N, C-alpha and C. Protein backbone atom coordinates (compact mmCIF):
# COMPACT_ATOMS: atom_id res chain seq x y z
N UNK A 1 90.63 133.97 116.84
CA UNK A 1 91.30 132.64 116.92
C UNK A 1 92.71 132.76 116.10
N UNK A 2 92.49 133.24 114.86
CA UNK A 2 93.63 133.66 113.94
C UNK A 2 94.14 134.82 113.67
N UNK A 3 95.27 135.16 113.71
CA UNK A 3 96.14 136.47 113.31
C UNK A 3 95.83 136.48 111.91
N UNK A 4 96.29 137.50 111.62
CA UNK A 4 96.55 137.77 110.23
C UNK A 4 97.19 137.20 109.37
N UNK A 5 98.49 136.82 110.25
CA UNK A 5 99.75 136.13 109.81
C UNK A 5 99.04 134.76 110.04
N UNK A 6 98.72 134.45 110.95
CA UNK A 6 98.15 133.00 111.14
C UNK A 6 97.29 132.48 110.02
N UNK A 7 96.12 133.22 109.83
CA UNK A 7 95.14 132.78 108.52
C UNK A 7 95.93 132.91 107.17
N UNK A 8 96.60 133.92 107.16
CA UNK A 8 97.30 133.84 105.79
C UNK A 8 98.17 132.50 105.53
N UNK A 9 98.99 132.58 106.79
CA UNK A 9 99.80 131.16 106.44
C UNK A 9 99.07 129.76 106.20
N UNK A 10 97.79 129.72 106.94
CA UNK A 10 97.21 128.51 106.78
C UNK A 10 96.43 128.66 105.11
N UNK A 11 96.30 129.78 104.83
CA UNK A 11 95.54 129.89 103.46
C UNK A 11 96.61 129.25 102.49
N UNK A 12 98.12 129.79 102.76
CA UNK A 12 99.04 129.42 101.77
C UNK A 12 99.51 127.85 101.69
N UNK A 13 99.27 127.36 103.01
CA UNK A 13 99.52 126.03 103.05
C UNK A 13 98.49 125.25 102.50
N UNK A 14 97.32 125.45 102.43
CA UNK A 14 96.12 125.10 102.16
C UNK A 14 96.47 124.75 100.33
N UNK A 15 96.65 125.96 99.92
CA UNK A 15 96.63 126.43 98.48
C UNK A 15 97.96 125.39 97.91
N UNK A 16 99.04 125.38 98.44
CA UNK A 16 100.29 124.45 98.27
C UNK A 16 99.92 123.24 98.21
N UNK A 17 99.12 122.74 99.41
CA UNK A 17 98.61 121.32 99.53
C UNK A 17 97.62 120.94 98.05
N UNK A 18 96.96 121.71 97.95
CA UNK A 18 95.93 121.66 96.84
C UNK A 18 96.78 121.88 95.51
N UNK A 19 97.76 122.34 95.30
CA UNK A 19 98.50 122.39 93.89
C UNK A 19 99.32 120.75 94.13
N UNK A 20 100.01 120.22 95.40
CA UNK A 20 100.19 119.29 95.44
C UNK A 20 99.31 117.96 94.98
N UNK A 21 98.34 118.15 95.32
CA UNK A 21 97.17 117.19 95.10
C UNK A 21 97.34 117.25 93.38
N UNK A 22 97.06 118.26 92.88
CA UNK A 22 96.62 118.40 91.35
C UNK A 22 97.72 117.44 90.79
N UNK A 23 98.97 118.15 91.07
CA UNK A 23 100.08 117.07 90.64
C UNK A 23 99.93 115.98 90.62
N UNK A 24 100.00 115.39 92.00
CA UNK A 24 99.30 114.04 92.46
C UNK A 24 98.36 113.08 91.20
N UNK A 25 97.67 114.06 91.29
CA UNK A 25 96.07 113.56 90.41
C UNK A 25 96.68 113.46 88.97
N UNK A 26 97.77 114.40 88.54
CA UNK A 26 97.98 114.25 86.92
C UNK A 26 98.92 113.27 86.72
N UNK A 27 99.99 112.66 87.74
CA UNK A 27 100.86 111.84 87.61
C UNK A 27 99.68 110.44 87.71
N UNK A 28 99.11 110.28 88.60
CA UNK A 28 98.11 109.21 88.90
C UNK A 28 97.59 108.87 87.52
N UNK A 29 97.11 109.65 86.59
CA UNK A 29 96.25 109.80 85.35
C UNK A 29 97.19 109.26 84.19
N UNK A 30 98.56 109.28 84.66
CA UNK A 30 99.19 108.57 83.50
C UNK A 30 100.04 107.34 84.17
N UNK A 31 99.94 106.99 85.40
CA UNK A 31 100.26 105.70 85.79
C UNK A 31 99.32 104.42 85.78
N UNK A 32 100.02 103.28 85.09
CA UNK A 32 99.24 102.28 84.57
C UNK A 32 99.29 101.14 85.60
N UNK A 33 98.35 100.81 85.75
CA UNK A 33 98.13 99.36 86.74
C UNK A 33 97.82 98.34 85.82
N UNK A 34 98.26 96.77 86.58
CA UNK A 34 97.58 95.51 85.66
C UNK A 34 96.53 94.82 86.77
N UNK A 35 95.58 94.11 86.12
CA UNK A 35 94.52 93.25 86.29
C UNK A 35 94.62 92.25 85.70
N UNK A 36 94.22 90.96 86.52
CA UNK A 36 94.38 89.80 85.77
C UNK A 36 93.03 89.31 86.31
N UNK A 37 92.72 88.19 85.52
CA UNK A 37 91.79 86.90 86.01
C UNK A 37 92.17 85.71 85.32
N UNK A 38 91.48 84.15 85.76
CA UNK A 38 91.80 83.32 85.32
C UNK A 38 93.24 82.67 85.44
N UNK A 39 93.79 82.71 86.61
CA UNK A 39 95.25 82.76 86.54
C UNK A 39 96.12 83.24 85.58
N UNK A 40 95.54 84.61 85.38
CA UNK A 40 96.71 85.19 84.16
C UNK A 40 96.09 85.24 82.73
N UNK A 41 94.98 84.30 82.41
CA UNK A 41 94.64 83.93 80.99
C UNK A 41 94.06 85.28 80.74
N UNK A 42 93.58 86.07 81.38
CA UNK A 42 93.26 87.51 81.02
C UNK A 42 93.75 88.80 81.59
N UNK A 43 94.40 89.48 80.75
CA UNK A 43 95.12 90.37 81.54
C UNK A 43 94.93 92.01 80.94
N UNK A 44 94.80 92.71 81.94
CA UNK A 44 94.06 94.14 81.58
C UNK A 44 95.33 95.35 81.99
N UNK A 45 95.50 96.41 81.37
CA UNK A 45 96.05 97.34 81.38
C UNK A 45 95.41 98.77 81.43
N UNK A 46 95.34 99.56 82.63
CA UNK A 46 94.69 100.50 82.78
C UNK A 46 95.54 101.68 83.50
N UNK A 47 95.16 102.95 83.29
CA UNK A 47 95.37 103.99 84.38
C UNK A 47 94.65 104.11 85.55
N UNK A 48 95.40 105.07 86.34
CA UNK A 48 94.51 105.03 87.64
C UNK A 48 93.44 105.85 87.51
N UNK A 49 92.86 106.61 86.11
CA UNK A 49 91.86 107.24 86.01
C UNK A 49 90.81 106.36 85.02
N UNK A 50 90.87 105.14 85.15
CA UNK A 50 90.23 104.26 84.51
C UNK A 50 90.09 104.16 83.06
N UNK A 51 91.32 104.18 82.51
CA UNK A 51 91.28 104.42 80.78
C UNK A 51 92.07 102.70 80.87
N UNK A 52 91.48 102.32 79.80
CA UNK A 52 92.17 100.96 79.61
C UNK A 52 93.01 100.98 78.22
N UNK A 53 94.12 100.28 78.49
CA UNK A 53 94.87 100.67 77.26
C UNK A 53 95.23 99.29 76.62
N UNK A 54 94.97 98.41 77.43
CA UNK A 54 95.30 96.60 76.65
C UNK A 54 94.52 95.81 77.17
N UNK A 55 93.85 94.76 76.70
CA UNK A 55 93.33 93.54 77.20
C UNK A 55 93.98 92.33 76.42
N UNK A 56 94.87 91.56 76.98
CA UNK A 56 95.57 90.64 76.64
C UNK A 56 95.15 89.05 77.10
N UNK A 57 94.59 88.62 76.22
CA UNK A 57 93.67 86.92 76.48
C UNK A 57 94.68 85.90 75.87
N UNK A 58 95.26 85.10 76.73
CA UNK A 58 95.85 83.74 76.22
C UNK A 58 94.90 82.83 75.01
N UNK A 59 95.71 82.83 74.06
CA UNK A 59 95.21 81.85 72.80
C UNK A 59 94.85 80.45 73.54
N UNK A 60 95.15 80.02 74.52
CA UNK A 60 94.66 78.94 75.01
C UNK A 60 93.32 78.94 75.36
N UNK A 61 92.93 80.26 75.87
CA UNK A 61 91.59 80.56 76.62
C UNK A 61 90.76 80.76 75.34
N UNK A 62 91.30 81.14 74.71
CA UNK A 62 90.39 81.59 73.29
C UNK A 62 89.77 80.09 72.57
N UNK A 63 90.76 79.22 72.46
CA UNK A 63 90.68 77.78 71.97
C UNK A 63 89.61 77.31 72.72
N UNK A 64 89.61 77.52 74.39
CA UNK A 64 88.90 76.59 75.16
C UNK A 64 87.45 77.55 75.22
N UNK A 65 87.10 78.77 74.84
CA UNK A 65 86.21 79.46 75.07
C UNK A 65 85.20 79.53 73.86
N UNK A 66 85.51 79.10 72.89
CA UNK A 66 84.94 78.80 71.53
C UNK A 66 83.34 78.68 71.78
N UNK A 67 83.22 77.62 72.60
CA UNK A 67 81.69 77.17 73.21
C UNK A 67 81.31 77.89 74.14
N UNK A 68 82.03 78.92 74.82
CA UNK A 68 81.62 79.28 76.17
C UNK A 68 81.85 80.70 76.40
N UNK A 69 81.28 81.74 75.55
CA UNK A 69 81.70 82.97 75.41
C UNK A 69 81.32 83.59 76.66
N UNK A 70 80.29 83.11 77.34
CA UNK A 70 80.12 83.98 78.54
C UNK A 70 81.17 83.86 79.83
N UNK A 71 81.96 82.71 79.57
CA UNK A 71 82.96 82.54 80.58
C UNK A 71 84.11 83.57 80.31
N UNK A 72 84.24 83.80 79.11
CA UNK A 72 85.25 84.65 78.19
C UNK A 72 84.95 86.19 78.84
N UNK A 73 83.59 86.26 78.67
CA UNK A 73 83.18 87.84 79.04
C UNK A 73 83.43 88.19 80.60
N UNK A 74 83.09 86.89 81.43
CA UNK A 74 83.28 87.43 82.96
C UNK A 74 84.76 87.28 83.40
N UNK A 75 85.54 86.45 82.34
CA UNK A 75 87.05 86.72 82.74
C UNK A 75 87.43 88.08 82.47
N UNK A 76 86.92 88.61 81.14
CA UNK A 76 87.23 89.94 80.97
C UNK A 76 87.06 91.14 81.80
N UNK A 77 85.67 90.81 82.23
CA UNK A 77 85.02 91.72 83.18
C UNK A 77 86.13 91.96 84.43
N UNK A 78 86.30 90.25 84.90
CA UNK A 78 87.00 90.20 86.13
C UNK A 78 88.42 91.08 86.22
N UNK A 79 89.00 90.95 85.08
CA UNK A 79 90.32 91.42 85.18
C UNK A 79 90.47 92.89 85.14
N UNK A 80 89.45 93.83 84.18
CA UNK A 80 88.93 94.91 84.45
C UNK A 80 88.79 95.76 85.90
N UNK A 81 87.90 94.77 86.33
CA UNK A 81 87.63 94.97 87.82
C UNK A 81 88.90 94.94 88.94
N UNK A 82 89.50 93.77 88.57
CA UNK A 82 90.91 93.72 89.14
C UNK A 82 91.57 95.05 88.97
N UNK A 83 91.71 95.51 87.95
CA UNK A 83 92.83 96.86 87.20
C UNK A 83 92.10 98.17 88.05
N UNK A 84 90.79 97.92 88.05
CA UNK A 84 90.29 99.36 88.64
C UNK A 84 90.35 99.15 90.00
N UNK A 85 90.19 98.14 91.00
CA UNK A 85 90.52 97.83 92.07
C UNK A 85 91.91 98.40 92.78
N UNK A 86 93.12 98.11 92.15
CA UNK A 86 94.32 98.18 91.85
C UNK A 86 94.73 99.77 91.86
N UNK A 87 94.21 100.44 90.85
CA UNK A 87 94.24 101.92 90.48
C UNK A 87 93.25 102.67 91.88
N UNK A 88 92.35 102.30 92.11
CA UNK A 88 91.66 102.56 93.38
C UNK A 88 92.69 102.74 94.70
N UNK A 89 93.09 101.70 94.60
CA UNK A 89 94.22 101.70 96.08
C UNK A 89 95.46 102.19 95.98
N UNK A 90 95.90 102.42 94.80
CA UNK A 90 97.07 103.18 94.33
C UNK A 90 96.57 104.83 94.87
N UNK A 91 95.33 104.92 94.20
CA UNK A 91 95.10 106.29 94.32
C UNK A 91 95.06 106.77 95.46
N UNK A 92 94.11 106.04 96.39
CA UNK A 92 93.91 106.45 97.77
C UNK A 92 94.98 106.29 98.48
N UNK A 93 96.08 105.62 98.32
CA UNK A 93 97.27 105.58 99.10
C UNK A 93 98.18 106.61 98.83
N UNK A 94 98.25 107.23 97.39
CA UNK A 94 98.86 108.45 97.26
C UNK A 94 98.38 109.60 97.84
N UNK A 95 96.82 109.85 97.58
CA UNK A 95 96.32 111.05 97.95
C UNK A 95 96.26 111.23 99.70
N UNK A 96 96.19 109.93 100.29
CA UNK A 96 95.89 109.74 101.73
C UNK A 96 97.63 110.65 102.38
N UNK A 97 98.47 110.94 101.56
CA UNK A 97 99.46 111.34 102.12
C UNK A 97 98.87 113.13 102.38
N UNK A 98 98.22 113.43 101.48
CA UNK A 98 97.80 114.79 101.42
C UNK A 98 97.15 115.15 102.59
N UNK A 99 96.14 114.20 103.29
CA UNK A 99 94.98 114.43 104.35
C UNK A 99 95.47 114.04 105.52
N UNK A 100 96.47 113.24 105.54
CA UNK A 100 96.86 112.89 106.96
C UNK A 100 97.30 113.51 108.07
N UNK A 101 96.51 113.87 109.18
CA UNK A 101 96.48 114.48 110.32
C UNK A 101 95.54 115.69 109.97
N UNK A 102 94.80 115.68 109.02
CA UNK A 102 93.85 116.41 109.10
C UNK A 102 92.31 116.22 109.90
N UNK A 103 91.62 116.92 110.43
CA UNK A 103 90.61 116.68 111.29
C UNK A 103 89.43 115.74 110.04
N UNK A 104 88.76 115.08 110.65
CA UNK A 104 87.89 113.78 109.58
C UNK A 104 86.79 115.17 108.96
N UNK A 105 87.08 114.58 107.54
CA UNK A 105 86.13 115.54 106.60
C UNK A 105 86.94 116.52 105.84
N UNK A 106 87.89 116.84 106.71
CA UNK A 106 88.63 118.18 105.96
C UNK A 106 89.05 117.88 104.72
N UNK A 107 89.50 116.67 104.36
CA UNK A 107 90.40 116.08 103.19
C UNK A 107 89.52 116.52 102.15
N UNK A 108 88.11 116.15 102.19
CA UNK A 108 87.27 116.43 101.23
C UNK A 108 87.24 117.95 100.66
N UNK A 109 87.87 118.86 101.87
CA UNK A 109 87.77 120.34 101.15
C UNK A 109 88.59 120.62 100.18
N UNK A 110 89.68 119.85 100.06
CA UNK A 110 91.02 119.94 99.13
C UNK A 110 90.59 118.82 97.97
N UNK A 111 89.61 118.74 97.70
CA UNK A 111 89.59 118.03 96.17
C UNK A 111 89.19 118.75 95.19
């Protein structure tokens, strides 16, 4: 099916693709995304590997939430979920460039 040169070339391409994917994953680990909830009253900054760096809660919300702790907790969770969703979308978009054109299931081989 493959000659020696063909198989060797294919293996070199696969190795280069894997190196590029690892480099992209390292870059994504440093890339920050922002999530928010409550029309921006709660904001979260996280990396694409789900490390939260900052949570910002508008002081007006804190004043309103004195009696509604559950609402504040829900907004914080929603902002975190929003940041994580954006991180996943960015990661999928970036990594899909490496597996474009491969047969179904082959992309998993390079993870």
